Amino acid sequence: MTKDATTILCPRCGCADLYRFGFDPHLHLQRWRCKNPDCRMQFVPGRPGRVRQNPKVVCPKCGANMSLFKHLSDALRFRCNNYRHRDQRRCTHKINIPLPGREHFDMVVDPKKIRLIQGKVKPLFCWNKMKFSKPTVALALYFQFFRAMPAPGVVATLRDLYRLHVSHDTVTRWGHKAAFLLADKCAPRVKLPKKPGRKPRMLADETQFKAHGEKRWLWLTYVPRYDAYLGHNLSARRDTQAARDTLAMTYHLAPQMKKAEILTDGLWSYGSALGDLEIDEKKHRVYRSFFELPNNNQLERKWSNFKSRARPFRGFKSDLGLAAFCEAQIVYHNFFRPSERLGGKTPAQELGLKLPKAPSDWALLTRLLTP
């Protein structure tokens, strides 16, 4: 023991048997090391403590401390420190905490807002400035929405059958405006009717499309009991924020679904989003195999309807076109397409949503497009 070490004790074990161990490279203070073989701690007396930049977080599952794992656009993601273990102590739980100065996460609860749409879309038709009549526009949109015909096919059909000459750009603009107008009129808050039996289960999944050569993800929530699509979102990344927006829209449209069980394919974005929305983890079920019950196959089969109808378009030239196509197909499924599961009713009829009376879908579309 040296003379300088007589008043210095190891802060861990209290041992006074120390020796010099170089200097601190930043503050140039003497570093000491404990000679106790069970301790061997290195320390620098007089060095100021570290300023904690991030909040101290404790894992809600195992009680261990959590460390910063990733920086998000509106939050900090922490991971349990027990992820290093390979035995029964292992825990990989992660949670998100809003950035300092924020109380809540950034969420979009309005179904009309889709992130990838650039510019402004006029929500209503200007019938007084149109060259064509309402039935003509409704007929073109009927072919485009109900029969999933691209603009060239709609133009050829109107020219060959009705001798109407409309440009491709005009039909495309009609489709963009009408899709968001129908989504606005046909997407009220849903009050799910009570049925005998267990509570309805909600399925959540995502699929990939391409717009101007880049990947886009369509997120969707689906309730098999009513054969209805609830929340949807379109994003450029398969991340927590997109899943959070989708679930937030769903719970805004149908608040009763907060108490329902949700089934996903195990993508981490869903678990993280449910934690951000303060939904009980016990209500989140994950299936790992195609033959496992319950599974997500009912929603997986629904993607074929989107894919088969999108195939004639041979890809979308813009995010606006993809967003309009998705909005139109969701409205068509919920309000116009009879379901065998519901005995020939549409999901809107099963949910008790009322639409204007009309003798045909074409006439109903004309009435819905009228301001």
Protein backbone atom coordinates (compact mmCIF):
# COMPACT_ATOMS: atom_id res chain seq x y z
CA MET A 1 0.00 0.00 0.00
CA THR A 2 1.35 3.40 -0.96
CA LYS A 3 1.27 6.56 1.09
CA ASP A 4 -1.24 8.20 -1.23
CA ALA A 5 -3.67 5.34 -0.86
CA THR A 6 -4.02 5.46 2.93
CA THR A 7 -7.22 7.53 2.80
CA ILE A 8 -8.64 5.97 -0.35
CA LEU A 9 -10.99 3.01 -0.13
CA CYS A 10 -12.50 0.87 -2.84
CA PRO A 11 -16.05 2.15 -3.43
CA ARG A 12 -17.30 -1.40 -4.04
CA CYS A 13 -15.81 -3.56 -1.27
CA GLY A 14 -14.21 -0.94 1.04
CA CYS A 15 -10.76 -2.49 0.73
CA ALA A 16 -7.76 -0.20 1.39
CA ASP A 17 -5.23 -2.40 -0.43
CA LEU A 18 -4.95 -0.55 -3.76
CA TYR A 19 -2.34 0.20 -6.40
CA ARG A 20 -1.95 2.77 -9.10
CA PHE A 21 -3.40 1.83 -12.48
CA GLY A 22 -2.48 4.66 -14.85
CA PHE A 23 -4.32 7.91 -15.48
CA ASP A 24 -7.76 8.75 -16.77
CA PRO A 25 -7.26 9.68 -20.47
CA HIS A 26 -9.79 12.53 -20.39
CA LEU A 27 -9.37 14.21 -16.99
CA HIS A 28 -5.73 13.11 -16.32
CA LEU A 29 -6.57 12.00 -12.79
CA GLN A 30 -4.96 9.07 -10.99
CA ARG A 31 -6.70 5.77 -11.55
CA TRP A 32 -6.67 3.09 -8.85
CA ARG A 33 -7.42 -0.63 -8.81
CA CYS A 34 -8.49 -2.83 -5.93
CA LYS A 35 -6.22 -5.80 -5.07
CA ASN A 36 -9.09 -7.86 -3.69
CA PRO A 37 -9.32 -10.89 -6.06
CA ASP A 38 -13.11 -10.92 -5.70
CA CYS A 39 -13.44 -7.25 -6.65
CA ARG A 40 -10.65 -5.89 -8.93
CA MET A 41 -12.60 -2.67 -9.42
CA GLN A 42 -11.01 0.25 -11.24
CA PHE A 43 -11.99 3.79 -10.19
CA VAL A 44 -10.84 7.42 -10.34
CA PRO A 45 -11.34 9.43 -7.14
CA GLY A 46 -12.70 12.90 -7.76
CA ARG A 47 -14.05 12.18 -11.22
CA PRO A 48 -17.50 13.77 -11.68
CA GLY A 49 -20.37 11.38 -12.25
CA ARG A 50 -21.80 10.82 -15.67
CA VAL A 51 -24.77 12.88 -16.68
CA ARG A 52 -27.61 10.54 -17.65
CA GLN A 53 -28.81 11.54 -21.11
CA ASN A 54 -31.67 9.06 -21.25
CA PRO A 55 -34.27 8.23 -18.59
CA LYS A 56 -33.82 5.18 -16.40
CA VAL A 57 -36.25 2.49 -17.51
CA VAL A 58 -37.04 -0.79 -15.78
CA CYS A 59 -38.29 -3.78 -17.73
CA PRO A 60 -41.96 -4.44 -16.83
CA LYS A 61 -41.52 -8.18 -17.42
CA CYS A 62 -38.39 -9.18 -15.49
CA GLY A 63 -37.50 -6.04 -13.50
CA ALA A 64 -34.03 -5.58 -15.01
CA ASN A 65 -32.71 -2.27 -16.27
CA MET A 66 -33.22 -1.33 -19.92
CA SER A 67 -30.79 0.37 -22.29
CA LEU A 68 -31.34 2.57 -25.31
CA PHE A 69 -31.77 0.36 -28.37
CA LYS A 70 -32.89 2.65 -31.23
CA HIS A 71 -33.80 6.25 -32.02
CA LEU A 72 -37.24 6.63 -33.61
CA SER A 73 -38.71 9.73 -35.23
CA ASP A 74 -40.91 10.47 -32.21
CA ALA A 75 -39.66 8.12 -29.49
CA LEU A 76 -36.76 6.23 -27.92
CA ARG A 77 -36.81 2.43 -27.96
CA PHE A 78 -35.35 0.61 -24.95
CA ARG A 79 -34.40 -3.05 -24.69
CA CYS A 80 -34.04 -5.20 -21.60
CA ASN A 81 -30.42 -5.80 -20.53
CA ASN A 82 -31.14 -9.50 -19.97
CA TYR A 83 -31.12 -10.11 -23.72
CA ARG A 84 -27.45 -11.15 -23.29
CA HIS A 85 -28.34 -14.27 -21.32
CA ARG A 86 -28.97 -17.59 -23.04
CA ASP A 87 -30.73 -19.32 -20.17
CA GLN A 88 -34.07 -18.84 -18.43
CA ARG A 89 -33.11 -15.30 -17.47
CA ARG A 90 -33.16 -14.19 -21.12
CA CYS A 91 -35.61 -11.35 -21.85
CA THR A 92 -35.77 -9.34 -25.07
CA HIS A 93 -38.69 -7.10 -24.15
CA LYS A 94 -38.68 -3.63 -25.77
CA ILE A 95 -40.73 -0.54 -25.07
CA ASN A 96 -41.01 2.91 -26.69
CA ILE A 97 -40.94 6.16 -24.71
CA PRO A 98 -41.91 9.51 -26.29
CA LEU A 99 -39.14 12.00 -26.83
CA PRO A 100 -38.57 14.56 -24.05
CA GLY A 101 -41.16 17.29 -24.22
CA ARG A 102 -43.81 15.01 -25.73
CA GLU A 103 -46.57 13.28 -23.87
CA HIS A 104 -47.90 11.15 -26.70
CA PHE A 105 -46.71 9.48 -29.87
CA ASP A 106 -47.40 10.83 -33.33
CA MET A 107 -50.53 9.03 -34.56
CA VAL A 108 -52.94 9.50 -37.45
CA VAL A 109 -56.50 8.59 -36.51
CA ASP A 110 -58.24 10.15 -39.52
CA PRO A 111 -58.77 7.48 -42.22
CA LYS A 112 -58.73 10.16 -44.92
CA LYS A 113 -55.10 11.03 -44.28
CA ILE A 114 -52.52 8.85 -45.98
CA ARG A 115 -48.90 9.83 -45.58
CA LEU A 116 -47.66 9.18 -49.08
CA ILE A 117 -50.11 11.45 -50.91
CA GLN A 118 -48.31 14.57 -52.05
CA GLY A 119 -50.24 17.69 -53.01
CA LYS A 120 -53.92 18.41 -52.58
CA VAL A 121 -56.82 16.33 -53.86
CA LYS A 122 -60.13 18.09 -54.38
CA PRO A 123 -62.70 16.13 -52.36
CA LEU A 124 -65.73 17.03 -54.48
CA PHE A 125 -66.64 17.03 -58.12
CA CYS A 126 -67.35 20.34 -59.81
CA TRP A 127 -70.37 19.19 -61.76
CA ASN A 128 -71.06 22.66 -63.20
CA LYS A 129 -67.66 22.73 -64.89
CA MET A 130 -67.80 19.19 -66.27
CA LYS A 131 -68.35 18.43 -69.91
CA PHE A 132 -69.96 15.05 -69.17
CA SER A 133 -73.12 14.24 -67.25
CA LYS A 134 -73.36 12.54 -63.87
CA PRO A 135 -74.48 9.14 -65.26
CA THR A 136 -71.52 9.14 -67.66
CA VAL A 137 -69.02 9.84 -64.89
CA ALA A 138 -70.67 7.28 -62.62
CA LEU A 139 -70.56 4.67 -65.41
CA ALA A 140 -66.85 5.27 -65.94
CA LEU A 141 -66.21 4.98 -62.22
CA TYR A 142 -68.36 1.84 -62.06
CA PHE A 143 -66.04 0.16 -64.57
CA GLN A 144 -62.98 1.47 -62.76
CA PHE A 145 -63.98 0.57 -59.18
CA PHE A 146 -66.38 -2.36 -59.40
CA ARG A 147 -64.71 -4.13 -62.34
CA ALA A 148 -61.14 -2.94 -61.63
CA MET A 149 -60.57 -1.71 -65.18
CA PRO A 150 -57.61 0.60 -65.88
CA ALA A 151 -58.21 3.93 -67.58
CA PRO A 152 -57.42 2.65 -71.13
CA GLY A 153 -60.00 -0.13 -70.76
CA VAL A 154 -62.63 2.30 -69.47
CA VAL A 155 -61.95 4.68 -72.38
CA ALA A 156 -62.23 1.85 -74.93
CA THR A 157 -65.49 0.58 -73.37
CA LEU A 158 -67.12 4.02 -73.41
CA ARG A 159 -65.99 4.59 -76.99
CA ASP A 160 -67.11 1.20 -78.37
CA LEU A 161 -70.44 0.84 -76.54
CA TYR A 162 -71.62 4.41 -76.01
CA ARG A 163 -69.60 6.42 -78.55
CA LEU A 164 -68.23 8.63 -75.80
CA HIS A 165 -64.73 10.00 -76.26
CA VAL A 166 -62.98 10.57 -72.94
CA SER A 167 -59.25 10.93 -72.40
CA HIS A 168 -57.23 8.65 -70.14
CA ASP A 169 -56.16 11.51 -67.91
CA THR A 170 -59.76 12.55 -67.37
CA VAL A 171 -60.80 9.07 -66.24
CA THR A 172 -57.76 8.87 -63.97
CA ARG A 173 -58.60 12.21 -62.31
CA TRP A 174 -62.20 11.09 -61.84
CA GLY A 175 -60.98 7.95 -60.12
CA HIS A 176 -58.66 9.80 -57.76
CA LYS A 177 -61.31 12.30 -56.68
CA ALA A 178 -64.11 9.74 -56.39
CA ALA A 179 -62.07 7.28 -54.31
CA PHE A 180 -61.44 9.78 -51.53
CA LEU A 181 -64.94 11.21 -51.74
CA LEU A 182 -66.46 7.73 -51.30
CA ALA A 183 -64.04 6.93 -48.49
CA ASP A 184 -65.10 10.15 -46.75
CA LYS A 185 -68.82 9.43 -47.07
CA CYS A 186 -68.67 5.69 -46.36
CA ALA A 187 -66.32 5.59 -43.37
CA PRO A 188 -68.25 6.71 -40.28
CA ARG A 189 -67.52 5.44 -36.80
CA VAL A 190 -68.75 1.88 -36.46
CA LYS A 191 -70.69 0.53 -33.51
CA LEU A 192 -70.40 -3.21 -33.72
CA PRO A 193 -73.70 -4.97 -33.03
CA LYS A 194 -73.76 -7.49 -30.22
CA LYS A 195 -73.99 -11.15 -31.20
CA PRO A 196 -74.22 -14.22 -29.00
CA GLY A 197 -71.00 -16.11 -28.48
CA ARG A 198 -67.40 -15.08 -27.93
CA LYS A 199 -66.11 -11.60 -28.61
CA PRO A 200 -65.09 -10.84 -32.19
CA ARG A 201 -61.44 -11.36 -33.07
CA MET A 202 -59.54 -8.81 -35.14
CA LEU A 203 -56.86 -9.78 -37.66
CA ALA A 204 -54.03 -7.47 -38.72
CA ASP A 205 -51.65 -7.94 -41.61
CA GLU A 206 -49.76 -6.07 -44.34
CA THR A 207 -48.92 -6.70 -47.99
CA GLN A 208 -46.64 -5.13 -50.56
CA PHE A 209 -47.43 -3.09 -53.67
CA LYS A 210 -45.24 -1.01 -55.93
CA ALA A 211 -45.69 2.63 -56.90
CA HIS A 212 -43.30 4.21 -59.45
CA GLY A 213 -40.99 1.25 -58.89
CA GLU A 214 -40.71 1.57 -55.10
CA LYS A 215 -42.10 -0.68 -52.38
CA ARG A 216 -45.23 0.37 -50.56
CA TRP A 217 -46.98 -1.45 -47.71
CA LEU A 218 -50.73 -1.65 -47.32
CA TRP A 219 -51.75 -2.29 -43.70
CA LEU A 220 -55.22 -3.61 -42.95
CA THR A 221 -57.30 -4.74 -39.99
CA TYR A 222 -60.16 -7.17 -40.57
CA VAL A 223 -63.00 -8.55 -38.43
CA PRO A 224 -64.06 -11.99 -39.78
CA ARG A 225 -67.36 -12.08 -37.89
CA TYR A 226 -68.63 -9.08 -39.87
CA ASP A 227 -66.37 -9.60 -42.91
CA ALA A 228 -65.43 -5.93 -42.62
CA TYR A 229 -62.26 -3.95 -43.19
CA LEU A 230 -61.75 -1.35 -40.48
CA GLY A 231 -58.40 0.46 -40.35
CA HIS A 232 -55.99 0.79 -43.23
CA ASN A 233 -52.80 2.65 -43.96
CA LEU A 234 -50.23 3.01 -46.71
CA SER A 235 -46.57 3.46 -45.82
CA ALA A 236 -43.13 3.34 -47.35
CA ARG A 237 -41.65 1.40 -44.43
CA ARG A 238 -42.67 -1.64 -42.48
CA ASP A 239 -42.17 0.01 -39.12
CA THR A 240 -43.85 0.64 -35.80
CA GLN A 241 -45.21 4.03 -36.79
CA ALA A 242 -47.20 2.58 -39.72
CA ALA A 243 -48.64 -0.20 -37.53
CA ARG A 244 -49.46 2.33 -34.80
CA ASP A 245 -51.36 4.53 -37.26
CA THR A 246 -53.31 1.54 -38.58
CA LEU A 247 -54.37 0.38 -35.12
CA ALA A 248 -55.13 3.94 -34.01
CA MET A 249 -57.47 4.36 -37.00
CA THR A 250 -59.12 1.05 -36.18
CA TYR A 251 -59.78 1.94 -32.55
CA HIS A 252 -61.02 5.38 -33.59
CA LEU A 253 -63.54 3.88 -36.03
CA ALA A 254 -64.60 1.05 -33.69
CA PRO A 255 -63.73 1.79 -30.02
CA GLN A 256 -65.23 -1.57 -29.01
CA MET A 257 -62.33 -3.37 -30.65
CA LYS A 258 -59.99 -2.23 -27.85
CA LYS A 259 -61.42 -5.08 -25.77
CA ALA A 260 -61.18 -7.63 -28.57
CA GLU A 261 -58.40 -10.09 -29.20
CA ILE A 262 -56.00 -9.18 -32.02
CA LEU A 263 -54.19 -11.81 -34.08
CA THR A 264 -51.00 -11.06 -36.05
CA ASP A 265 -48.16 -12.94 -37.73
CA GLY A 266 -45.59 -11.95 -35.11
CA LEU A 267 -44.12 -8.85 -36.78
CA TRP A 268 -42.49 -6.77 -34.04
CA SER A 269 -44.22 -3.59 -35.28
CA TYR A 270 -47.61 -4.83 -34.03
CA GLY A 271 -46.45 -5.63 -30.52
CA SER A 272 -44.64 -2.32 -30.26
CA ALA A 273 -47.67 -0.41 -31.58
CA LEU A 274 -50.03 -2.12 -29.14
CA GLY A 275 -47.69 -1.21 -26.30
CA ASP A 276 -47.67 2.43 -27.43
CA LEU A 277 -51.48 2.43 -27.50
CA GLU A 278 -51.59 0.90 -23.99
CA ILE A 279 -53.42 -2.23 -25.12
CA ASP A 280 -53.09 -5.25 -22.84
CA GLU A 281 -50.44 -7.66 -24.13
CA LYS A 282 -52.62 -10.63 -23.19
CA LYS A 283 -55.03 -9.67 -25.99
CA HIS A 284 -52.29 -9.99 -28.62
CA ARG A 285 -51.98 -13.49 -30.08
CA VAL A 286 -49.32 -14.55 -32.55
CA TYR A 287 -49.43 -17.53 -34.87
CA ARG A 288 -46.18 -19.06 -36.14
CA SER A 289 -47.36 -21.75 -38.54
CA PHE A 290 -49.78 -21.88 -41.45
CA PHE A 291 -51.61 -24.83 -39.88
CA GLU A 292 -51.67 -23.36 -36.37
CA LEU A 293 -55.07 -22.42 -34.97
CA PRO A 294 -56.12 -19.67 -34.73
CA ASN A 295 -54.26 -18.21 -37.70
CA ASN A 296 -54.39 -15.25 -40.05
CA ASN A 297 -55.45 -17.18 -43.15
CA GLN A 298 -58.80 -15.42 -43.51
CA LEU A 299 -57.07 -12.09 -44.04
CA GLU A 300 -54.29 -13.63 -46.11
CA ARG A 301 -56.89 -14.87 -48.60
CA LYS A 302 -58.33 -11.38 -48.87
CA TRP A 303 -55.08 -10.11 -50.32
CA SER A 304 -55.80 -12.08 -53.50
CA ASN A 305 -58.77 -9.75 -54.15
CA PHE A 306 -56.45 -6.74 -54.06
CA LYS A 307 -53.68 -8.42 -56.05
CA SER A 308 -55.92 -9.79 -58.82
CA ARG A 309 -57.66 -6.42 -59.27
CA ALA A 310 -54.34 -4.56 -59.26
CA ARG A 311 -52.74 -6.87 -61.85
CA PRO A 312 -54.30 -5.16 -64.93
CA PHE A 313 -52.78 -1.86 -63.82
CA ARG A 314 -49.26 -3.39 -64.16
CA GLY A 315 -48.02 -1.29 -61.28
CA PHE A 316 -48.98 2.18 -60.21
CA LYS A 317 -47.28 5.29 -61.52
CA SER A 318 -47.78 7.34 -58.36
CA ASP A 319 -48.55 7.02 -54.67
CA LEU A 320 -51.78 8.88 -55.31
CA GLY A 321 -52.95 6.23 -57.78
CA LEU A 322 -52.12 3.41 -55.38
CA ALA A 323 -53.87 5.17 -52.49
CA ALA A 324 -56.98 5.81 -54.61
CA PHE A 325 -57.06 2.16 -55.72
CA CYS A 326 -56.83 0.87 -52.13
CA GLU A 327 -59.51 3.27 -50.90
CA ALA A 328 -61.85 2.27 -53.72
CA GLN A 329 -61.40 -1.47 -53.12
CA ILE A 330 -62.01 -1.13 -49.38
CA VAL A 331 -65.20 0.87 -49.95
CA TYR A 332 -66.34 -1.62 -52.60
CA HIS A 333 -65.81 -4.57 -50.25
CA ASN A 334 -67.50 -2.97 -47.23
CA PHE A 335 -70.50 -1.32 -48.93
CA PHE A 336 -71.18 -2.91 -52.31
CA ARG A 337 -69.93 -6.50 -52.43
CA PRO A 338 -72.33 -9.16 -51.02
CA SER A 339 -70.66 -11.66 -48.70
CA GLU A 340 -71.41 -15.37 -48.63
CA ARG A 341 -70.27 -15.43 -45.03
CA LEU A 342 -73.09 -13.00 -44.15
CA GLY A 343 -75.78 -14.70 -46.21
CA GLY A 344 -75.69 -12.31 -49.16
CA LYS A 345 -75.49 -9.11 -47.10
CA THR A 346 -72.75 -6.56 -47.39
CA PRO A 347 -70.58 -5.85 -44.33
CA ALA A 348 -72.19 -2.40 -44.10
CA GLN A 349 -75.66 -3.96 -43.90
CA GLU A 350 -74.46 -6.39 -41.25
CA LEU A 351 -73.07 -3.50 -39.22
CA GLY A 352 -76.29 -1.51 -39.59
CA LEU A 353 -74.83 1.31 -41.69
CA LYS A 354 -77.41 2.96 -43.93
CA LEU A 355 -76.85 4.09 -47.50
CA PRO A 356 -79.20 5.91 -49.90
CA LYS A 357 -81.72 3.61 -51.58
CA ALA A 358 -81.02 2.93 -55.24
CA PRO A 359 -82.15 0.28 -57.77
CA SER A 360 -78.58 -0.63 -58.75
CA ASP A 361 -74.96 -0.13 -57.75
CA TRP A 362 -74.53 2.30 -60.63
CA ALA A 363 -77.42 4.44 -59.38
CA LEU A 364 -76.13 4.26 -55.80
CA LEU A 365 -72.69 5.35 -56.96
CA THR A 366 -74.26 8.32 -58.74
CA ARG A 367 -76.08 9.41 -55.57
CA LEU A 368 -73.01 9.04 -53.40
CA LEU A 369 -70.93 11.17 -55.75
CA THR A 370 -73.46 13.99 -55.61
CA PRO A 371 -72.51 16.65 -53.01
